[in-house]
Protein backbone atom coordinates (compact mmCIF):
# COMPACT_ATOMS: atom_id res chain seq x y z
CA MET A 1 17.17 17.04 29.21
CA THR A 2 17.87 20.17 31.80
CA HIS A 3 20.26 19.30 35.36
CA LYS A 4 16.97 20.40 37.60
CA THR A 5 14.29 17.85 35.39
CA LYS A 6 17.38 15.14 35.44
CA VAL A 7 17.86 15.47 39.26
CA LYS A 8 13.88 14.94 39.66
CA ARG A 9 14.22 12.19 37.88
CA GLU A 10 17.43 9.90 39.48
CA LYS A 11 15.61 11.40 42.96
CA LEU A 12 12.13 9.47 41.67
CA ARG A 13 14.05 6.31 40.57
CA ALA A 14 15.45 6.06 43.72
CA ASN A 15 12.21 6.41 46.00
CA ALA A 16 9.47 4.85 44.21
CA ILE A 17 8.75 2.51 41.95
CA VAL A 18 5.24 1.22 40.10
CA VAL A 19 4.76 -3.07 40.83
CA SER A 20 1.74 -3.95 38.66
CA ASP A 21 0.40 -7.32 37.99
CA PHE A 22 0.17 -8.88 34.27
CA ASP A 23 -3.27 -10.41 33.06
CA GLY A 24 -6.52 -8.75 33.86
CA THR A 25 -4.79 -5.62 34.69
CA ILE A 26 -1.74 -4.80 31.35
CA THR A 27 -4.02 -6.49 29.18
CA VAL A 28 -7.75 -6.58 29.66
CA THR A 29 -7.92 -10.76 28.46
CA ASP A 30 -6.47 -12.81 31.36
CA ASN A 31 -4.03 -14.37 28.98
CA THR A 32 -3.35 -17.35 31.59
CA GLN A 33 -6.73 -18.64 32.45
CA CYS A 34 -7.79 -18.52 28.82
CA VAL A 35 -4.34 -20.68 27.86
CA LEU A 36 -5.84 -23.11 30.80
CA GLN A 37 -8.83 -22.71 29.73
CA LYS A 38 -7.88 -24.10 25.94
CA PHE A 39 -4.89 -26.78 27.16
CA ALA A 40 -5.42 -27.79 30.08
CA ASP A 41 -8.36 -30.11 32.15
CA LYS A 42 -11.42 -28.60 33.81
CA GLU A 43 -9.29 -29.38 37.46
CA TRP A 44 -7.70 -26.06 37.03
CA MET A 45 -10.83 -24.65 37.65
CA ARG A 46 -11.59 -26.65 40.47
CA LEU A 47 -7.83 -25.55 42.19
CA ASP A 48 -8.80 -21.91 41.25
CA GLU A 49 -12.08 -22.05 43.77
CA LEU A 50 -10.22 -23.97 45.85
CA TYR A 51 -7.68 -21.43 46.48
CA GLU A 52 -10.11 -18.48 46.48
CA LYS A 53 -11.78 -20.16 49.42
CA GLY A 54 -7.83 -20.13 51.32
CA MET A 55 -7.93 -24.09 50.63
CA LEU A 56 -4.67 -23.72 48.46
CA GLU A 57 -2.00 -21.48 48.68
CA LEU A 58 -0.75 -19.49 45.57
CA VAL A 59 2.39 -21.22 44.97
CA GLU A 60 0.89 -24.91 44.62
CA ARG A 61 -2.09 -23.61 43.12
CA VAL A 62 -0.13 -22.56 39.90
CA LYS A 63 2.22 -25.46 40.35
CA ARG A 64 -0.35 -27.87 39.96
CA GLN A 65 -2.25 -25.88 37.19
CA TYR A 66 0.51 -25.46 34.74
CA ALA A 67 0.53 -28.83 35.50
CA LEU A 68 -2.72 -30.02 33.53
CA LEU A 69 -0.99 -27.77 30.45
CA ARG A 70 -0.85 -30.39 27.46
CA ALA A 71 0.65 -27.85 24.44
CA SER A 72 4.21 -26.63 23.12
CA SER A 73 5.21 -23.46 23.87
CA GLU A 74 5.02 -22.66 20.16
CA GLU A 75 1.15 -23.61 20.88
CA ILE A 76 0.36 -21.80 23.96
CA VAL A 77 2.09 -18.52 22.58
CA LYS A 78 0.28 -18.46 19.66
CA TYR A 79 -3.09 -18.47 20.68
CA ALA A 80 -2.21 -15.85 23.20
CA LYS A 81 -1.33 -13.52 21.12
CA GLN A 82 -4.88 -14.31 19.11
CA LEU A 83 -6.78 -13.19 22.57
CA ALA A 84 -4.85 -10.65 24.02
CA VAL A 85 -5.88 -6.92 24.34
CA LEU A 86 -3.82 -4.30 25.67
CA ARG A 87 -5.75 -2.45 28.47
CA GLU A 88 -6.36 1.16 26.60
CA GLY A 89 -3.69 3.79 27.98
CA PHE A 90 -1.00 1.59 28.56
CA ALA A 91 1.47 2.54 25.88
CA ARG A 92 0.97 6.27 27.74
CA PHE A 93 1.44 5.08 31.04
CA VAL A 94 4.98 3.65 30.20
CA GLY A 95 5.80 6.42 28.36
CA LEU A 96 5.09 8.88 31.69
CA CYS A 97 6.71 6.39 33.95
CA ASN A 98 9.64 6.54 31.68
CA LYS A 99 9.87 10.69 31.55
CA LYS A 100 9.51 11.37 34.99
CA GLY A 101 12.36 8.44 35.28
CA LEU A 102 9.62 6.29 38.05
CA PRO A 103 10.34 1.90 37.36
CA LEU A 104 7.88 0.18 36.25
CA VAL A 105 7.89 -3.78 37.37
CA VAL A 106 5.25 -5.79 35.99
CA VAL A 107 5.07 -8.93 38.42
CA SER A 108 3.20 -12.12 38.09
CA VAL A 109 2.10 -15.99 38.38
CA GLY A 110 0.90 -16.59 34.92
CA LEU A 111 2.73 -18.16 32.40
CA ASP A 112 6.21 -16.65 31.52
CA ILE A 113 6.41 -17.18 28.06
CA VAL A 114 2.59 -15.80 28.41
CA VAL A 115 3.46 -12.28 30.04
CA LYS A 116 7.72 -11.91 27.71
CA GLU A 117 6.05 -13.12 24.90
CA LEU A 118 2.91 -10.77 24.40
CA LEU A 119 4.94 -8.00 26.36
CA LYS A 120 7.29 -8.29 23.55
CA PHE A 121 4.33 -8.56 20.86
CA PHE A 122 2.69 -5.24 21.84
CA GLY A 123 6.50 -3.71 22.24
CA PHE A 124 7.26 -3.31 25.80
CA GLU A 125 9.80 -6.11 25.39
CA LYS A 126 12.24 -3.93 28.21
CA ILE A 127 10.02 -3.42 30.69
CA ARG A 128 11.25 -5.22 33.98
CA VAL A 129 9.54 -9.15 34.91
CA ARG A 130 9.01 -10.76 38.13
CA VAL A 131 7.47 -14.47 37.32
CA PRO A 132 7.86 -17.69 37.91
CA LYS A 133 9.66 -20.26 35.10
CA THR A 134 7.86 -22.44 33.34
CA LEU A 135 9.93 -26.02 31.77
CA PRO A 136 7.61 -28.40 29.90
CA THR A 137 7.88 -31.55 30.51
CA GLU A 138 5.94 -35.06 29.33
CA GLN A 139 3.68 -34.35 33.12
CA GLY A 140 2.74 -30.41 32.03
CA TYR A 141 4.48 -27.69 32.65
CA LYS A 142 7.20 -27.52 36.18
CA VAL A 143 7.24 -24.25 37.98
CA PHE A 144 9.88 -22.68 39.19
CA PHE A 145 9.76 -19.42 41.45
CA PRO A 146 12.09 -16.78 42.28
CA LYS A 147 14.12 -17.06 45.50
CA MET A 148 12.25 -14.86 47.77
CA HIS A 149 13.54 -11.64 49.18
CA THR A 150 12.24 -12.10 52.86
CA THR A 151 10.66 -14.34 54.94
CA LEU A 152 7.67 -12.18 55.74
CA THR A 153 5.40 -12.95 52.78
CA GLN A 154 2.79 -14.97 51.55
CA ASN A 155 4.03 -14.90 47.32
CA ILE A 156 6.20 -13.12 45.25
CA LYS A 157 3.99 -10.02 44.28
CA GLU A 158 3.66 -9.17 48.12
CA ASP A 159 7.33 -10.41 48.69
CA LEU A 160 8.72 -7.62 45.62
CA VAL A 161 6.64 -4.68 48.05
CA LEU A 162 7.89 -5.17 50.83
CA HIS A 163 11.72 -5.85 50.00
CA ASN A 164 10.77 -2.32 47.85
CA LYS A 165 9.58 -0.39 51.07
CA ILE A 166 12.30 -1.92 53.40
CA LEU A 167 14.54 -0.01 50.57
CA GLY A 168 12.78 2.90 52.16
CA LYS A 169 10.68 3.50 48.66
CA LYS A 170 6.64 4.85 48.09
CA VAL A 171 5.26 1.42 46.19
CA ILE A 172 2.39 2.11 43.20
CA TYR A 173 0.75 -0.97 42.76
CA LEU A 174 -1.88 -2.29 40.33
CA GLY A 175 -3.73 -4.95 40.13
CA ASP A 176 -7.01 -6.95 39.82
CA GLY A 177 -6.71 -10.18 41.09
CA PRO A 178 -7.18 -11.83 44.50
CA SER A 179 -3.03 -12.84 44.18
CA ASP A 180 -2.84 -9.42 44.75
CA TYR A 181 -3.78 -8.88 47.92
CA GLN A 182 -1.38 -9.21 50.12
CA ALA A 183 0.44 -7.23 47.82
CA ILE A 184 -1.80 -4.57 47.14
CA ARG A 185 -2.20 -4.32 51.13
CA ARG A 186 1.21 -3.15 51.42
CA ALA A 187 1.30 -0.97 48.49
CA ASP A 188 1.70 2.88 49.15
CA PHE A 189 -0.68 3.66 46.42
CA ARG A 190 -3.39 1.21 45.74
CA PHE A 191 -5.22 0.93 42.10
CA VAL A 192 -7.69 -1.42 41.44
CA VAL A 193 -9.08 -2.39 38.36
CA LYS A 194 -12.93 -1.55 38.44
CA GLY A 195 -15.26 -4.37 38.68
CA SER A 196 -12.57 -7.39 39.45
CA LYS A 197 -12.66 -10.10 42.08
CA LEU A 198 -9.61 -7.83 43.98
CA GLU A 199 -12.26 -4.39 44.14
CA GLU A 200 -14.27 -6.90 46.28
CA LEU A 201 -11.84 -8.03 48.26
CA CYS A 202 -10.48 -4.34 48.89
CA VAL A 203 -14.00 -3.55 49.56
CA LYS A 204 -15.31 -6.15 51.85
CA ASN A 205 -11.73 -5.58 53.62
CA GLY A 206 -11.77 -2.09 53.95
CA VAL A 207 -8.68 -1.48 52.10
CA VAL A 208 -8.38 2.25 50.60
CA HIS A 209 -7.93 1.74 46.77
CA ALA A 210 -8.82 3.96 43.64
CA VAL A 211 -9.99 2.19 40.51
CA PHE A 212 -9.68 2.20 37.02
CA SER A 213 -10.25 1.19 33.74
CA SER A 214 -7.84 2.69 31.63
CA PHE A 215 -4.14 3.67 32.56
CA ASP A 216 -4.90 6.84 31.48
CA GLU A 217 -6.52 7.35 34.64
CA VAL A 218 -4.07 6.11 36.35
CA SER A 219 -1.53 8.85 34.79
CA GLU A 220 -3.87 11.18 35.59
CA SER A 221 -3.81 10.16 39.14
CA LEU A 222 0.29 10.53 39.24
CA GLU A 223 0.53 13.12 37.62
CA LYS A 224 -2.15 15.68 39.77
CA TYR A 225 -1.20 14.03 42.92
CA ILE A 226 0.99 11.26 43.54
CA LEU A 227 3.96 12.51 41.60
CA LYS A 228 3.92 15.27 43.74
CA LEU A 229 4.10 13.87 47.33
CA LEU A 230 6.87 11.65 46.46
């Protein structure tokens, strides 16, 4: 690595960050939803509906849904591995981020055991993850959310974006669901899974974004346009 390349990498590492959702974004499958469908009471679907209608906070929705799970960690992880499909181009995208020195963090309100074990399963265990911690009990899974960096945000996704912006970094955000909406609104560069609920929300509320189906599309945008602006 030349001195010039090293300087560029260090500058990018200090000035920007990629923050990505996991279920439905890095993977095509919504793994946590599949796990709930398999191992939880159908009440989880009603809780989803209440959240999407704005009648239930995200933290409360997650806590109540995971309390409905009736399966061991091993059963859940095994099932998730059978279903999970990695989105095309993700490995190349991670390679590009590493090559350019662009930090990548996965932020999710999905089951920690699913997110972490699937990243490991696909060979990406070194990627930083910010996710609520779960603990199996006789009454389902208890959820412990990470401490928020500020009091100005609604959830850990939005919190991570705002925290990095306060540090002076440009934030590139990728997501697909309603829980990503507050976060992506605050991001500097926004990538939304094509045909997702997040795309509907962004279109409805006039939030400028780019859509993608493959991470190769995101990589192309990074190389052609975004990295030149950072």
